Amino acid sequence: MGGLANCDDGVALLVEWLKTQGHLPQSIDKMLLQRFLRATQGDVEAAKKLIDLNYTMRTNYSHIFLKRDPCDEATQCVLDTTDMIILPNLTPEGNKVLYYRLIDFDPDKYHFNDVIRVFFMFADVRFNTPDPAGMSEGEIPIFDMKGFTLKHLTKVVLSTLRIYMKFTQEAHPIRLKAIHVVNCPSYLDKVITVIKPFLRSEVFKMINFHLSGAETLYKYVPKEMLPNDLGGQCGQIADIKSEWVKVLKEKRDFLTNEKYWKVDEKKRTKSKGNKVPNESFQSLSID
């Protein structure tokens, strides 16, 4: 039976459970287990399902989650052309804010599979790194559409978009609070046409669209939380990015060693309660 547990007790239960799950990686950090538990609001049984689904999907889509290197040329190209910024502070409600944008608008340098691969590398490093501001209650991503053209849109790989959407909505150890899209282009309807089939209705309802130059974002995210470059007070984007890129490269072995990420289906016990998880499992906590 599922049940709510306080953090320490819940993590201890997950540690003991992992020892009985030979197919799963056995080096999952307690900090990450805590994030899974928080994502399921303390429900240990739900956290077990979320963990199993997370690692099963990684193994099923190895070209995104396993075949990666933070020091290779493809990753460097993504780092040179995009900003994926983990802002240092929490909102008054205790939520973590993340900011994503293009910095090189040349669509010929936009390689969607590589962008998604790097997105998940940053997420994996962050989820295994102590947060000085404390573990967040939820996540608020901000996607800046400035410079994103129809040519960029044609380079979106739909099969990879599907993987990204499924994983972030069903297997990510987060509680999604809101999504903000800023500097929306005139062809926003075309972007929505592409992404909406992959979004659960409750997630789509959480998206807030903001026109170019509008200050409506500040009604949801305190302006001072944003980087100085955007009128905030949390530091320069380049400095924040540099610190996380340093961590990313320092964690190369962690990111590339399959023992931390890969499921061995040969070792999965064939019990009634231990079936291969269905990828349609609706596990993301929405508030």
Protein backbone atom coordinates (compact mmCIF):
# COMPACT_ATOMS: atom_id res chain seq x y z
CA MET A 1 0.00 0.00 0.00
CA GLY A 2 1.14 3.57 -0.64
CA GLY A 3 1.70 5.87 2.25
CA LEU A 4 3.05 9.28 3.09
CA ALA A 5 6.38 9.43 4.86
CA ASN A 6 8.57 12.17 6.21
CA CYS A 7 11.69 12.80 4.18
CA ASP A 8 14.24 10.80 6.18
CA ASP A 9 11.95 7.82 6.70
CA GLY A 10 10.87 7.86 3.07
CA VAL A 11 14.43 7.98 1.77
CA ALA A 12 15.40 5.11 4.09
CA LEU A 13 12.51 3.04 2.72
CA LEU A 14 13.58 3.80 -0.86
CA VAL A 15 17.19 2.83 -0.09
CA GLU A 16 16.05 -0.55 1.23
CA TRP A 17 13.66 -1.03 -1.70
CA LEU A 18 16.44 -0.31 -4.21
CA LYS A 19 18.46 -3.19 -2.79
CA THR A 20 15.68 -5.53 -3.93
CA GLN A 21 15.53 -4.03 -7.44
CA GLY A 22 18.53 -5.57 -9.15
CA HIS A 23 17.57 -4.14 -12.53
CA LEU A 24 17.87 -0.55 -11.33
CA PRO A 25 21.12 1.39 -10.85
CA GLN A 26 22.35 0.84 -7.31
CA SER A 27 24.20 4.16 -6.99
CA ILE A 28 21.24 6.53 -6.83
CA ASP A 29 22.19 9.35 -4.47
CA LYS A 30 20.01 9.94 -1.41
CA MET A 31 19.57 13.54 -2.51
CA LEU A 32 17.99 12.34 -5.75
CA LEU A 33 15.80 9.88 -3.85
CA GLN A 34 14.65 12.82 -1.75
CA ARG A 35 13.68 14.67 -4.93
CA PHE A 36 11.66 11.70 -6.17
CA LEU A 37 9.91 11.55 -2.81
CA ARG A 38 9.18 15.26 -2.83
CA ALA A 39 7.84 15.04 -6.39
CA THR A 40 5.28 12.49 -5.18
CA GLN A 41 4.49 14.53 -2.05
CA GLY A 42 5.87 11.89 0.29
CA ASP A 43 4.08 8.91 -1.27
CA VAL A 44 6.73 6.17 -1.14
CA GLU A 45 4.92 3.76 -3.46
CA ALA A 46 4.40 6.49 -6.05
CA ALA A 47 8.08 7.43 -5.72
CA LYS A 48 9.07 3.81 -6.45
CA LYS A 49 7.00 3.86 -9.64
CA LEU A 50 8.46 7.22 -10.63
CA ILE A 51 12.03 5.99 -10.12
CA ASP A 52 11.42 2.83 -12.14
CA LEU A 53 9.79 4.77 -14.95
CA ASN A 54 12.56 7.37 -14.98
CA TYR A 55 15.35 4.86 -15.45
CA THR A 56 13.37 2.63 -17.79
CA MET A 57 12.72 5.55 -20.13
CA ARG A 58 16.38 6.52 -20.01
CA THR A 59 17.33 3.04 -21.13
CA ASN A 60 14.65 2.89 -23.83
CA TYR A 61 15.83 6.21 -25.29
CA SER A 62 19.57 5.77 -24.88
CA HIS A 63 20.42 8.12 -27.76
CA ILE A 64 19.17 10.99 -25.60
CA PHE A 65 19.98 9.87 -22.06
CA LEU A 66 22.99 7.54 -22.29
CA LYS A 67 24.98 8.43 -25.40
CA ARG A 68 26.14 11.81 -24.15
CA ASP A 69 29.30 13.65 -23.19
CA PRO A 70 29.43 17.13 -21.61
CA CYS A 71 32.86 17.69 -23.12
CA ASP A 72 32.18 16.75 -26.75
CA GLU A 73 31.84 19.08 -29.73
CA ALA A 74 28.05 18.75 -29.97
CA THR A 75 27.60 19.83 -26.36
CA GLN A 76 29.96 22.76 -26.83
CA CYS A 77 27.93 23.90 -29.83
CA VAL A 78 24.78 23.90 -27.70
CA LEU A 79 26.54 25.83 -24.94
CA ASP A 80 27.76 28.38 -27.49
CA THR A 81 24.31 28.92 -29.00
CA THR A 82 21.92 28.64 -26.05
CA ASP A 83 21.63 29.64 -22.41
CA MET A 84 20.15 27.11 -19.99
CA ILE A 85 20.24 28.96 -16.70
CA ILE A 86 19.42 27.63 -13.25
CA LEU A 87 18.66 30.76 -11.25
CA PRO A 88 20.23 30.72 -7.77
CA ASN A 89 17.34 31.75 -5.53
CA LEU A 90 13.83 30.53 -4.78
CA THR A 91 10.57 32.41 -5.20
CA PRO A 92 8.70 33.44 -2.02
CA GLU A 93 6.67 30.24 -2.50
CA GLY A 94 9.87 28.17 -2.53
CA ASN A 95 10.01 27.42 -6.25
CA LYS A 96 13.07 27.12 -8.48
CA VAL A 97 13.11 29.26 -11.64
CA LEU A 98 14.93 28.17 -14.80
CA TYR A 99 15.58 30.32 -17.86
CA TYR A 100 16.19 29.09 -21.42
CA ARG A 101 17.00 31.12 -24.54
CA LEU A 102 18.90 31.19 -27.81
CA ILE A 103 22.00 33.40 -27.91
CA ASP A 104 22.98 32.61 -31.50
CA PHE A 105 19.96 32.98 -33.75
CA ASP A 106 21.44 31.12 -36.74
CA PRO A 107 19.05 28.18 -37.34
CA ASP A 108 21.81 26.22 -39.06
CA LYS A 109 23.51 25.96 -35.67
CA TYR A 110 20.36 24.71 -33.97
CA HIS A 111 20.47 20.94 -33.52
CA PHE A 112 17.38 19.85 -31.63
CA ASN A 113 18.57 16.42 -30.47
CA ASP A 114 21.74 17.94 -29.03
CA VAL A 115 19.78 20.70 -27.27
CA ILE A 116 17.52 18.15 -25.59
CA ARG A 117 20.50 15.98 -24.66
CA VAL A 118 22.21 18.94 -22.96
CA PHE A 119 18.95 19.97 -21.27
CA PHE A 120 18.79 16.62 -19.51
CA MET A 121 22.49 16.65 -18.64
CA PHE A 122 22.00 19.95 -16.82
CA ALA A 123 18.92 18.55 -15.08
CA ASP A 124 20.75 15.40 -13.99
CA VAL A 125 23.66 17.38 -12.58
CA ARG A 126 21.35 19.80 -10.79
CA PHE A 127 19.25 17.07 -9.20
CA ASN A 128 22.43 15.54 -7.77
CA THR A 129 23.92 18.82 -6.52
CA PRO A 130 23.01 20.49 -3.19
CA ASP A 131 21.04 23.68 -3.72
CA PRO A 132 22.39 26.52 -1.54
CA ALA A 133 18.90 28.02 -1.38
CA GLY A 134 17.39 24.71 -0.25
CA MET A 135 15.46 22.08 -2.15
CA SER A 136 12.64 23.68 -4.08
CA GLU A 137 8.95 23.01 -3.66
CA GLY A 138 8.43 23.16 -7.41
CA GLU A 139 9.73 24.25 -10.80
CA ILE A 140 8.97 27.30 -12.94
CA PRO A 141 10.69 27.21 -16.35
CA ILE A 142 10.86 30.36 -18.48
CA PHE A 143 11.35 29.91 -22.23
CA ASP A 144 12.49 33.05 -24.06
CA MET A 145 11.42 32.90 -27.72
CA LYS A 146 13.56 35.84 -28.88
CA GLY A 147 15.38 34.85 -32.06
CA PHE A 148 13.44 31.60 -32.47
CA THR A 149 12.23 31.59 -36.08
CA LEU A 150 10.08 29.38 -38.26
CA LYS A 151 13.33 27.93 -39.62
CA HIS A 152 14.18 26.81 -36.08
CA LEU A 153 10.72 25.28 -35.78
CA THR A 154 11.29 23.16 -38.89
CA LYS A 155 14.38 21.68 -37.22
CA VAL A 156 12.42 20.29 -34.28
CA VAL A 157 12.61 16.48 -34.40
CA LEU A 158 9.12 15.30 -33.50
CA SER A 159 10.22 11.90 -32.18
CA THR A 160 12.65 13.64 -29.82
CA LEU A 161 10.05 16.23 -28.84
CA ARG A 162 7.75 13.36 -27.90
CA ILE A 163 10.47 11.82 -25.70
CA TYR A 164 11.17 15.18 -24.07
CA MET A 165 7.49 15.81 -23.37
CA LYS A 166 6.82 12.30 -22.05
CA PHE A 167 9.84 12.31 -19.77
CA THR A 168 9.34 15.81 -18.35
CA GLN A 169 5.63 15.22 -17.77
CA GLU A 170 5.74 11.62 -16.51
CA ALA A 171 9.20 10.72 -15.20
CA HIS A 172 10.93 13.90 -13.98
CA PRO A 173 11.43 14.22 -10.19
CA ILE A 174 9.79 17.63 -10.03
CA ARG A 175 6.52 19.34 -9.16
CA LEU A 176 5.65 21.68 -11.98
CA LYS A 177 4.13 24.97 -10.79
CA ALA A 178 3.93 27.08 -13.96
CA ILE A 179 5.49 27.59 -17.40
CA HIS A 180 6.22 31.00 -18.86
CA VAL A 181 6.93 31.73 -22.52
CA VAL A 182 8.26 35.26 -23.07
CA ASN A 183 8.90 37.34 -26.19
CA CYS A 184 6.27 35.35 -28.05
CA PRO A 185 6.57 35.65 -31.85
CA SER A 186 3.79 36.50 -34.27
CA TYR A 187 3.65 32.88 -35.41
CA LEU A 188 3.03 31.55 -31.87
CA ASP A 189 0.00 29.64 -33.17
CA LYS A 190 2.31 27.49 -35.31
CA VAL A 191 4.52 26.70 -32.31
CA ILE A 192 1.45 25.71 -30.30
CA THR A 193 0.26 23.49 -33.15
CA VAL A 194 3.53 21.56 -32.95
CA ILE A 195 3.75 21.14 -29.18
CA LYS A 196 0.14 20.87 -28.04
CA PRO A 197 -0.42 17.23 -29.16
CA PHE A 198 2.35 16.20 -26.76
CA LEU A 199 1.09 18.15 -23.76
CA ARG A 200 -1.35 16.94 -21.15
CA SER A 201 -4.28 19.33 -20.92
CA GLU A 202 -3.52 20.29 -17.32
CA VAL A 203 0.06 21.17 -18.29
CA PHE A 204 -1.03 23.27 -21.26
CA LYS A 205 -3.30 25.25 -18.94
CA MET A 206 -0.26 26.13 -16.82
CA ILE A 207 1.48 27.92 -19.70
CA ASN A 208 1.49 31.71 -19.55
CA PHE A 209 2.37 33.52 -22.79
CA HIS A 210 3.94 36.98 -22.63
CA LEU A 211 4.31 39.35 -25.58
CA SER A 212 7.65 40.91 -26.49
CA GLY A 213 8.47 43.80 -24.18
CA ALA A 214 5.64 43.01 -21.78
CA GLU A 215 6.27 43.06 -18.03
CA THR A 216 3.48 40.62 -17.20
CA LEU A 217 6.03 37.97 -16.17
CA TYR A 218 6.78 39.97 -13.02
CA LYS A 219 3.29 39.26 -11.70
CA TYR A 220 4.41 35.64 -11.34
CA VAL A 221 8.18 35.81 -10.83
CA PRO A 222 9.72 38.63 -8.76
CA LYS A 223 11.84 40.79 -11.05
CA GLU A 224 14.74 40.82 -8.60
CA MET A 225 15.03 37.03 -8.96
CA LEU A 226 15.99 37.36 -12.62
CA PRO A 227 19.53 37.91 -13.94
CA ASN A 228 20.91 41.45 -14.08
CA ASP A 229 20.83 41.22 -17.89
CA LEU A 230 17.03 40.99 -17.68
CA GLY A 231 16.60 43.77 -15.15
CA GLY A 232 16.93 41.57 -12.08
CA GLN A 233 19.48 41.30 -9.29
CA CYS A 234 20.64 37.66 -9.14
CA GLY A 235 23.85 38.11 -11.15
CA GLN A 236 24.97 38.10 -14.76
CA ILE A 237 23.74 35.30 -17.01
CA ALA A 238 27.29 34.57 -18.18
CA ASP A 239 28.53 34.14 -14.61
CA ILE A 240 25.64 31.88 -13.56
CA LYS A 241 26.07 29.82 -16.72
CA SER A 242 29.83 29.53 -16.26
CA GLU A 243 29.43 28.03 -12.80
CA TRP A 244 26.98 25.39 -14.01
CA VAL A 245 29.04 24.55 -17.11
CA LYS A 246 32.00 23.97 -14.79
CA VAL A 247 29.93 21.58 -12.69
CA LEU A 248 28.63 19.87 -15.84
CA LYS A 249 32.14 19.10 -17.07
CA GLU A 250 33.36 18.07 -13.62
CA LYS A 251 30.55 15.50 -13.56
CA ARG A 252 31.55 13.94 -16.88
CA ASP A 253 32.13 10.45 -15.47
CA PHE A 254 28.84 10.59 -13.60
CA LEU A 255 26.96 11.60 -16.75
CA THR A 256 28.63 9.13 -19.11
CA ASN A 257 28.94 6.04 -16.90
CA GLU A 258 25.94 3.84 -17.62
CA LYS A 259 26.05 2.23 -14.18
CA TYR A 260 24.35 5.36 -12.86
CA TRP A 261 21.55 5.40 -15.45
CA LYS A 262 20.88 2.13 -17.24
CA VAL A 263 18.28 -0.51 -16.41
CA ASP A 264 19.24 -4.17 -16.80
CA GLU A 265 15.97 -5.85 -17.76
CA LYS A 266 17.54 -9.29 -17.35
CA LYS A 267 17.67 -8.63 -13.62
CA ARG A 268 14.11 -7.37 -13.25
CA THR A 269 12.22 -9.75 -10.98
CA LYS A 270 9.12 -11.17 -12.64
CA SER A 271 6.73 -10.54 -9.79
CA LYS A 272 3.22 -9.14 -10.11
CA GLY A 273 4.23 -5.88 -8.49
CA ASN A 274 7.41 -5.42 -10.50
CA LYS A 275 6.34 -5.17 -14.11
CA VAL A 276 8.04 -2.99 -16.68
CA PRO A 277 6.44 0.41 -16.06
CA ASN A 278 3.94 1.71 -18.56
CA GLU A 279 5.24 4.94 -20.04
CA SER A 280 1.77 6.43 -19.90
CA PHE A 281 1.97 6.41 -16.08
CA GLN A 282 0.76 9.86 -15.04
CA SER A 283 3.24 10.68 -12.29
CA LEU A 284 4.09 14.36 -12.54
CA SER A 285 2.79 16.32 -9.59
CA ILE A 286 0.86 19.34 -10.83
CA ASP A 287 -0.12 22.17 -8.51
